[in-house]
Amino acid sequence: MARRAALALSTVLLLATSTLTACSTEAPDSEKSGGGNSDGKITLGFAQVGAESGWRTANTKSVQESAKKAGITLKFSDAQQKQENQIKAIRGFIQQKVDVIAFSPVVESGWDTVLKEAKDAGIPVILTDRAVDSKDTSLYKTFLGSDFVKEGRSAGEWLTKEYADEKGPVNIVELQGTTGSAPANDRKAGFAEIVGKDDKFKVVASQTGDFTRAKGKEVMQAFLKSHKDIDVLYAHNDDMALGAIQAIEEAGKKPGKDIKIISVDGIKDAFVAMTEGKINVVVECNPLLGDQLMDLAKKVVDGQEVPTRVETEEGVFTQDQAEEALPTRQY
């Protein structure tokens, strides 16, 4: 009896040890998956600004297609240009325990709290297209996108060369992007830096058009009523410029001639407008960031060091270049 009892006890202890060992190996595997995926596949939570322009639509498509190609699971949210929607989406991604979060901030300020929540949860963050003004740069791993100040400078440099031989004054109206957003702030600052060097350039009106075609038209209509001698329109994006063209034509003026037009982005519709002589110059801002984003996502999840800023290559296109470049535009 004693030998049978001892044997039975040994069997129970052996089974208990096996069960404990099995439990101890499951937890680390679960932790390694980050997003809760047992297959080890990376999950990326992406909070997009919205769908306010052709540029943004192309940017979204690039991210979605690149994620699929890279084998990354994408959780996508459209904030409809509202910061509170983006913050809610980011908190949702944190709750879902995604492996990495990327987003294009609607505005520059007000992100520290939610970014700290992501950091505390051990989820790396990548900023795409737009930056934040947080002093704590440890809250995100890297920024991927354009130099908006440089874009504004490029717009100003074209203008100063175009009017180099004229005495002036040169009256400019400015269609700004979404108030408080990085591209609106920086494109305005870069442009002002260049044109501010010559007193003949006068920005007689500057107002937000929210990066949309409809608002661009509406604000341009108001500009035309208030200012009879407008020489130049500087639009922070193509959609606003295209809306403004409608307003200029309805007012009986010729866009590109009576009012010179400078725009930023480089969507196909803007290149068509350049071939028609309606836009004079477009400063390119590349939305096709998907492949670079997926590469960065893989690296930060893997714990690799990445540059704090990754910029895209872009150019400046004038009317004489538009027809040749148009067939190659991907957005």
Foldseek 3Di string as FASTA:
>chain_A
DVVVVVVVVVVVVVVVVVVVVVVVVVVVCQVLLQLRDNVSAAEEEEEEQAPQDPLSVLLVVLQVVLCVVLRHHYHYHHQPLDQVSSLVSLVVSLVSRGQEYEYAGSAADDCVVSLVVCVVSVHAYEYEAFYHPDPPLVSHQAYEFAQLLVLLLVLQVVVCVVCVPPPAQAEEEEAAADPRTRNRVRSVNSVCVRVVVDPSYHDPYYDYQNSHLQSLLVVLLVVVVVDVQHAEYEYSADSSLNSNCVNCVVVVHQALPSYAYEHEADALVVLVCLLVNRHFKYWHTHSNCNNVVVVVSVQVSVVHRDDRYHYDDTGMDGSVCSVVCNVVHPD
